[in-house]
Amino acid sequence: MTHDAASRFVRFSREEWAALRASSPLTLDDRDLEALRGINEQISLAEVEDIYLPLSRLLNLYVAASQNLYRVTDTFLGSPAAKVPYVLALAGSVAVGKSTTARILQELLRRWPDHPQVDLVTTDGFLFPNAVLEERGLMQRKGFPESYDVRRLLRFLADVKAGMPEVAAPVYSHLTYDIVAGEEQIVRQPDVVIFEGLTVLQTGDGTAGPHERTHPPQLFVSDFFDFSIYVDAREADIEQWYVERFLTLRDTAFRDPSSFFRHFAALSEEESAAVARDIWQTINGINLRENILPTRERAHLILEKAVDHTVESVRLRKI
């Protein structure tokens, strides 16, 4: 464990972090993990045991403390308040493994006895529909801050944190690369909401238009988070993972006639790799450097990945 007086974080080696599991039982098996893995993710049960189990233990303690605080407030006010979910944010680049991390944490957290209902919501559903992006000339900026319906996103999180009985989130299809019209995900006062997306930790600095810069918004998405995690890796590694994922999709999902990217299925491996690298260099890499990576230090905890996708160290913000 490394304490740096100039840093807000304490760094743990993989071995040091794994020891913090204490006596927490491993509640997942190989079959569970197979269903949770993302494309080209090589995560093992040993990885879950060393990294995600201690993390779930830490989060379980935080959630319990939050629930107790609400009970204390209820006692003080003399009347029960609405059930308020604990909101956990998960940020990081395209292809860094956010979705797999989110699914594993969801499964681990829901197996703790004090918070069995854990919902997973992604920011993809809050992207503007393709028709709107086309109209605004933003199709090549999809995933950048300006491509999201921030007002709807803020309203969703505000309603969740207000303890509303039901809150609806729009649904996104990675197959059609668009919002699914008429389909919604309903969140009904779960114990925990995991909110996963590229720029969830952003405050809007430097990306707003002229009016927003002179009249900054009073609320940011990150204002509603109780705890936040950033999944980190070297950009060269993430780019390679993106290319590998693109090649896998070329042989699988892209072959579906309904796929937005079906025209890529006929490309050779060399052509596909070249297209993937061009997309990275002109879109995803720029978004990472300009909008995602600058939010890393705002997270409460940072998972630092090695070239083989395994987490090699963990940084936890000092309290």
Protein backbone atom coordinates (compact mmCIF):
# COMPACT_ATOMS: atom_id res chain seq x y z
CA MET A 1 0.00 0.00 0.00
CA THR A 2 1.48 3.32 -1.09
CA HIS A 3 0.63 6.63 0.59
CA ASP A 4 1.58 9.69 -1.45
CA ALA A 5 1.16 12.92 0.48
CA ALA A 6 0.68 14.81 -2.80
CA SER A 7 -2.06 12.47 -4.01
CA ARG A 8 -5.67 12.10 -2.93
CA PHE A 9 -5.38 8.33 -3.44
CA VAL A 10 -3.89 5.33 -1.70
CA ARG A 11 -2.51 2.76 -4.16
CA PHE A 12 -2.80 -0.99 -3.51
CA SER A 13 -0.93 -3.69 -5.35
CA ARG A 14 -3.03 -6.60 -6.58
CA GLU A 15 -1.84 -8.75 -3.65
CA GLU A 16 -2.56 -6.05 -1.07
CA TRP A 17 -6.03 -5.45 -2.46
CA ALA A 18 -6.85 -9.18 -2.62
CA ALA A 19 -6.10 -9.50 1.10
CA LEU A 20 -8.95 -7.06 1.82
CA ARG A 21 -11.44 -9.71 0.79
CA ALA A 22 -11.18 -10.91 4.41
CA SER A 23 -13.62 -13.81 4.83
CA SER A 24 -16.09 -12.73 2.14
CA PRO A 25 -17.35 -15.84 0.32
CA LEU A 26 -17.03 -16.18 -3.45
CA THR A 27 -20.64 -16.51 -4.64
CA LEU A 28 -19.98 -16.84 -8.39
CA ASP A 29 -18.89 -19.94 -10.28
CA ASP A 30 -17.50 -20.50 -13.80
CA ARG A 31 -20.96 -20.78 -15.34
CA ASP A 32 -22.03 -17.47 -13.79
CA LEU A 33 -18.87 -15.79 -15.01
CA GLU A 34 -19.28 -17.10 -18.56
CA ALA A 35 -22.63 -15.30 -18.79
CA LEU A 36 -21.10 -12.04 -17.51
CA ARG A 37 -18.00 -11.83 -19.71
CA GLY A 38 -17.92 -9.26 -22.49
CA ILE A 39 -16.53 -9.83 -25.98
CA ASN A 40 -12.82 -10.75 -25.84
CA GLU A 41 -12.78 -10.42 -22.03
CA GLN A 42 -10.57 -13.07 -20.45
CA ILE A 43 -11.62 -12.45 -16.85
CA SER A 44 -11.22 -15.47 -14.57
CA LEU A 45 -12.64 -16.51 -11.21
CA ALA A 46 -9.23 -15.71 -9.72
CA GLU A 47 -9.65 -12.15 -10.98
CA VAL A 48 -13.10 -11.96 -9.41
CA GLU A 49 -11.74 -13.32 -6.15
CA ASP A 50 -8.72 -10.99 -6.01
CA ILE A 51 -10.27 -7.75 -7.30
CA TYR A 52 -14.04 -7.71 -7.45
CA LEU A 53 -14.82 -9.58 -4.25
CA PRO A 54 -12.87 -7.11 -2.04
CA LEU A 55 -14.51 -4.29 -4.03
CA SER A 56 -17.97 -5.71 -3.40
CA ARG A 57 -17.12 -5.98 0.31
CA LEU A 58 -16.12 -2.31 0.39
CA LEU A 59 -19.27 -1.28 -1.46
CA ASN A 60 -21.41 -3.43 0.83
CA LEU A 61 -20.03 -1.50 3.80
CA TYR A 62 -20.71 1.83 2.08
CA VAL A 63 -24.27 0.84 1.17
CA ALA A 64 -24.94 -0.35 4.72
CA ALA A 65 -23.63 2.95 6.12
CA SER A 66 -25.85 4.87 3.70
CA GLN A 67 -28.92 2.83 4.63
CA ASN A 68 -28.22 3.43 8.30
CA LEU A 69 -27.92 7.16 7.70
CA TYR A 70 -31.36 7.20 6.08
CA ARG A 71 -32.78 5.31 9.09
CA VAL A 72 -31.25 7.86 11.44
CA THR A 73 -32.78 10.68 9.39
CA ASP A 74 -36.17 8.96 9.47
CA THR A 75 -35.93 8.70 13.26
CA PHE A 76 -35.07 12.38 13.54
CA LEU A 77 -37.92 13.44 11.26
CA GLY A 78 -40.38 11.10 12.96
CA SER A 79 -41.71 9.68 9.71
CA PRO A 80 -40.40 7.18 7.17
CA ALA A 81 -38.96 8.70 4.01
CA ALA A 82 -39.09 7.18 0.53
CA LYS A 83 -36.59 4.41 -0.17
CA VAL A 84 -33.58 5.99 -1.87
CA PRO A 85 -31.26 3.78 -3.96
CA TYR A 86 -27.50 3.90 -3.53
CA VAL A 87 -26.11 5.08 -6.89
CA LEU A 88 -22.79 3.63 -8.03
CA ALA A 89 -21.19 5.16 -11.15
CA LEU A 90 -18.83 3.29 -13.46
CA ALA A 91 -16.78 5.24 -16.02
CA GLY A 92 -14.03 4.56 -18.55
CA SER A 93 -13.19 4.28 -22.23
CA VAL A 94 -14.84 2.29 -24.98
CA ALA A 95 -13.45 -1.30 -24.93
CA VAL A 96 -11.83 -0.98 -21.48
CA GLY A 97 -14.22 -3.51 -19.91
CA LYS A 98 -16.76 -1.27 -18.14
CA SER A 99 -19.75 -3.40 -19.03
CA THR A 100 -18.18 -6.63 -17.76
CA THR A 101 -17.11 -4.88 -14.55
CA ALA A 102 -20.65 -3.53 -14.09
CA ARG A 103 -22.27 -6.94 -14.59
CA ILE A 104 -19.88 -8.67 -12.19
CA LEU A 105 -20.43 -6.04 -9.50
CA GLN A 106 -24.19 -6.27 -10.00
CA GLU A 107 -24.12 -10.03 -9.42
CA LEU A 108 -21.80 -9.83 -6.43
CA LEU A 109 -23.67 -6.97 -4.76
CA ARG A 110 -27.11 -8.54 -5.16
CA ARG A 111 -25.85 -11.62 -3.30
CA TRP A 112 -25.13 -9.64 -0.15
CA PRO A 113 -28.17 -9.96 2.17
CA ASP A 114 -28.78 -6.25 2.85
CA HIS A 115 -29.31 -5.10 -0.75
CA PRO A 116 -30.62 -7.91 -2.96
CA GLN A 117 -32.11 -5.65 -5.64
CA VAL A 118 -29.37 -4.15 -7.82
CA ASP A 119 -30.27 -2.55 -11.16
CA LEU A 120 -27.83 -1.78 -13.97
CA VAL A 121 -28.52 1.22 -16.21
CA THR A 122 -26.24 2.45 -19.00
CA THR A 123 -25.95 5.96 -20.40
CA ASP A 124 -26.28 4.56 -23.95
CA GLY A 125 -30.05 4.85 -23.58
CA PHE A 126 -29.69 8.59 -23.05
CA LEU A 127 -27.96 9.18 -26.37
CA PHE A 128 -30.05 11.24 -28.75
CA PRO A 129 -31.72 9.08 -31.44
CA ASN A 130 -29.76 8.79 -34.69
CA ALA A 131 -32.28 11.03 -36.47
CA VAL A 132 -31.50 13.85 -34.01
CA LEU A 133 -27.74 13.24 -34.23
CA GLU A 134 -27.94 13.33 -38.03
CA GLU A 135 -29.92 16.55 -37.94
CA ARG A 136 -27.32 18.16 -35.65
CA GLY A 137 -24.32 16.77 -37.53
CA LEU A 138 -23.24 14.69 -34.54
CA MET A 139 -23.18 11.11 -35.84
CA GLN A 140 -19.38 11.17 -35.88
CA ARG A 141 -19.46 12.51 -32.30
CA LYS A 142 -21.61 9.73 -30.87
CA GLY A 143 -20.48 9.08 -27.30
CA PHE A 144 -19.10 12.61 -26.91
CA PRO A 145 -20.82 14.73 -24.22
CA GLU A 146 -22.92 16.70 -26.71
CA SER A 147 -24.51 13.52 -28.11
CA TYR A 148 -26.43 12.82 -24.87
CA ASP A 149 -29.82 14.12 -23.79
CA VAL A 150 -28.40 15.52 -20.56
CA ARG A 151 -31.69 17.02 -19.40
CA ARG A 152 -33.40 13.63 -19.58
CA LEU A 153 -30.42 11.99 -17.90
CA LEU A 154 -30.48 14.48 -15.03
CA ARG A 155 -34.23 14.08 -14.65
CA PHE A 156 -33.87 10.30 -14.47
CA LEU A 157 -31.22 10.46 -11.75
CA ALA A 158 -33.07 13.15 -9.81
CA ASP A 159 -36.22 11.00 -9.79
CA VAL A 160 -34.24 7.93 -8.69
CA LYS A 161 -32.66 9.87 -5.84
CA ALA A 162 -36.02 11.36 -4.89
CA GLY A 163 -37.29 7.86 -4.20
CA MET A 164 -39.89 7.85 -6.98
CA PRO A 165 -41.72 4.48 -7.10
CA GLU A 166 -41.01 4.01 -10.80
CA VAL A 167 -38.51 5.75 -13.07
CA ALA A 168 -38.17 4.98 -16.78
CA ALA A 169 -34.91 4.91 -18.73
CA PRO A 170 -34.75 4.69 -22.54
CA VAL A 171 -33.23 1.56 -24.10
CA TYR A 172 -30.40 1.43 -26.66
CA SER A 173 -29.65 -1.34 -29.15
CA HIS A 174 -26.01 -2.00 -30.02
CA LEU A 175 -27.26 -4.08 -32.95
CA THR A 176 -29.19 -1.28 -34.64
CA TYR A 177 -26.92 1.40 -33.14
CA ASP A 178 -29.93 3.46 -32.08
CA ILE A 179 -32.52 4.10 -29.38
CA VAL A 180 -35.28 1.48 -29.37
CA ALA A 181 -38.51 3.43 -29.92
CA GLY A 182 -41.22 2.68 -27.39
CA GLU A 183 -39.02 0.49 -25.16
CA GLU A 184 -38.08 1.48 -21.60
CA GLN A 185 -36.23 0.06 -18.62
CA ILE A 186 -38.26 0.61 -15.45
CA VAL A 187 -36.36 1.17 -12.21
CA ARG A 188 -38.51 0.46 -9.14
CA GLN A 189 -36.68 1.67 -6.03
CA PRO A 190 -33.84 -0.88 -6.04
CA ASP A 191 -31.34 -0.97 -3.21
CA VAL A 192 -28.48 -0.11 -5.58
CA VAL A 193 -28.33 1.39 -9.08
CA ILE A 194 -25.14 0.87 -11.07
CA PHE A 195 -24.93 3.65 -13.66
CA GLU A 196 -22.39 2.84 -16.37
CA GLY A 197 -21.12 5.07 -19.16
CA LEU A 198 -18.25 6.83 -20.89
CA THR A 199 -18.45 10.32 -19.42
CA VAL A 200 -20.61 9.91 -16.33
CA LEU A 201 -18.03 11.71 -14.16
CA GLN A 202 -17.92 14.78 -16.35
CA THR A 203 -18.92 18.18 -15.04
CA GLY A 204 -19.40 19.69 -18.47
CA ASP A 205 -16.31 21.90 -18.25
CA GLY A 206 -14.98 22.78 -21.68
CA THR A 207 -17.68 20.96 -23.64
CA ALA A 208 -20.69 23.24 -23.26
CA GLY A 209 -21.79 25.72 -25.87
CA PRO A 210 -21.36 29.52 -25.47
CA HIS A 211 -24.63 29.93 -23.55
CA GLU A 212 -23.80 27.11 -21.12
CA ARG A 213 -20.31 28.47 -20.55
CA THR A 214 -21.72 31.87 -19.51
CA HIS A 215 -24.62 30.28 -17.63
CA PRO A 216 -23.21 27.01 -16.23
CA PRO A 217 -25.75 24.33 -15.25
CA GLN A 218 -26.62 24.09 -11.60
CA LEU A 219 -26.52 20.28 -11.59
CA PHE A 220 -24.18 17.68 -13.05
CA VAL A 221 -24.82 13.98 -13.54
CA SER A 222 -22.06 13.19 -11.03
CA ASP A 223 -23.87 15.15 -8.31
CA PHE A 224 -26.21 12.17 -7.86
CA PHE A 225 -23.53 9.52 -7.31
CA ASP A 226 -22.75 8.02 -3.91
CA PHE A 227 -19.62 6.24 -5.15
CA SER A 228 -17.78 6.17 -8.46
CA ILE A 229 -15.31 3.82 -10.16
CA TYR A 230 -13.07 4.50 -13.14
CA VAL A 231 -11.73 1.57 -15.17
CA ASP A 232 -8.30 2.60 -16.45
CA ALA A 233 -5.66 1.23 -18.83
CA ARG A 234 -2.94 2.53 -21.14
CA GLU A 235 -4.41 3.98 -24.33
CA ALA A 236 -2.32 1.73 -26.59
CA ASP A 237 -3.75 -1.33 -24.81
CA ILE A 238 -7.34 -0.07 -25.05
CA GLU A 239 -6.90 0.64 -28.76
CA GLN A 240 -5.67 -2.92 -29.32
CA TRP A 241 -8.61 -4.32 -27.34
CA TYR A 242 -10.95 -2.20 -29.47
CA VAL A 243 -9.44 -3.59 -32.68
CA GLU A 244 -9.68 -7.16 -31.39
CA ARG A 245 -13.31 -6.62 -30.41
CA PHE A 246 -14.10 -5.13 -33.81
CA LEU A 247 -12.63 -8.19 -35.54
CA THR A 248 -14.72 -10.50 -33.35
CA LEU A 249 -17.88 -8.51 -34.10
CA ARG A 250 -17.09 -8.68 -37.82
CA ASP A 251 -17.45 -12.46 -37.59
CA THR A 252 -20.51 -12.40 -35.31
CA ALA A 253 -22.91 -9.49 -34.71
CA PHE A 254 -22.01 -7.59 -37.87
CA ARG A 255 -23.30 -10.52 -39.93
CA ASP A 256 -26.82 -10.02 -38.60
CA PRO A 257 -28.96 -8.41 -41.35
CA SER A 258 -30.35 -6.01 -38.71
CA SER A 259 -26.89 -4.77 -37.71
CA PHE A 260 -26.08 -1.13 -38.39
CA PHE A 261 -22.53 -2.28 -39.16
CA ARG A 262 -23.44 -5.18 -41.47
CA HIS A 263 -21.45 -3.58 -44.34
CA PHE A 264 -18.26 -4.30 -42.36
CA ALA A 265 -18.89 -8.07 -42.34
CA ALA A 266 -17.54 -8.46 -45.88
CA LEU A 267 -14.19 -6.83 -45.10
CA SER A 268 -11.01 -8.86 -44.84
CA GLU A 269 -9.22 -9.09 -41.50
CA GLU A 270 -6.63 -6.55 -42.64
CA GLU A 271 -9.30 -4.15 -43.90
CA SER A 272 -11.31 -4.54 -40.68
CA ALA A 273 -8.28 -3.83 -38.51
CA ALA A 274 -7.53 -0.71 -40.57
CA VAL A 275 -11.13 0.52 -40.23
CA ALA A 276 -11.10 -0.14 -36.48
CA ARG A 277 -7.86 1.79 -35.99
CA ASP A 278 -9.21 4.68 -38.07
CA ILE A 279 -12.38 4.80 -35.93
CA TRP A 280 -10.21 4.76 -32.82
CA GLN A 281 -7.92 7.53 -34.03
CA THR A 282 -10.68 9.81 -35.32
CA ILE A 283 -13.41 9.19 -32.72
CA ASN A 284 -12.84 6.98 -29.67
CA GLY A 285 -9.26 7.99 -28.96
CA ILE A 286 -10.13 11.67 -29.17
CA ASN A 287 -13.12 11.21 -26.87
CA LEU A 288 -10.93 9.34 -24.38
CA ARG A 289 -8.26 12.03 -24.28
CA GLU A 290 -10.56 15.06 -24.35
CA ASN A 291 -13.55 13.96 -22.28
CA ILE A 292 -13.13 10.65 -20.46
CA LEU A 293 -9.57 10.51 -19.13
CA PRO A 294 -9.74 14.03 -17.61
CA THR A 295 -12.51 12.76 -15.29
CA ARG A 296 -10.45 9.88 -13.89
CA GLU A 297 -9.24 11.69 -10.78
CA ARG A 298 -12.83 12.54 -9.82
CA ALA A 299 -13.57 8.86 -9.15
CA HIS A 300 -13.56 7.40 -5.65
CA LEU A 301 -11.75 4.29 -6.87
CA ILE A 302 -9.63 3.53 -9.96
CA LEU A 303 -9.02 0.03 -11.33
CA GLU A 304 -5.73 0.00 -13.27
CA LYS A 305 -5.56 -2.73 -15.91
CA ALA A 306 -2.55 -4.44 -17.49
CA VAL A 307 -2.17 -5.42 -21.14
CA ASP A 308 -3.80 -8.83 -20.47
CA HIS A 309 -6.99 -7.16 -19.10
CA THR A 310 -6.20 -8.10 -15.48
CA VAL A 311 -6.28 -5.42 -12.79
CA GLU A 312 -2.71 -4.86 -11.61
CA SER A 313 -3.39 -2.19 -8.98
CA VAL A 314 -6.21 -0.28 -7.29
CA ARG A 315 -6.29 3.36 -6.23
CA LEU A 316 -8.75 4.34 -3.50
CA ARG A 317 -9.44 7.94 -2.71
CA LYS A 318 -8.47 9.01 0.79
CA ILE A 319 -11.42 9.86 3.01
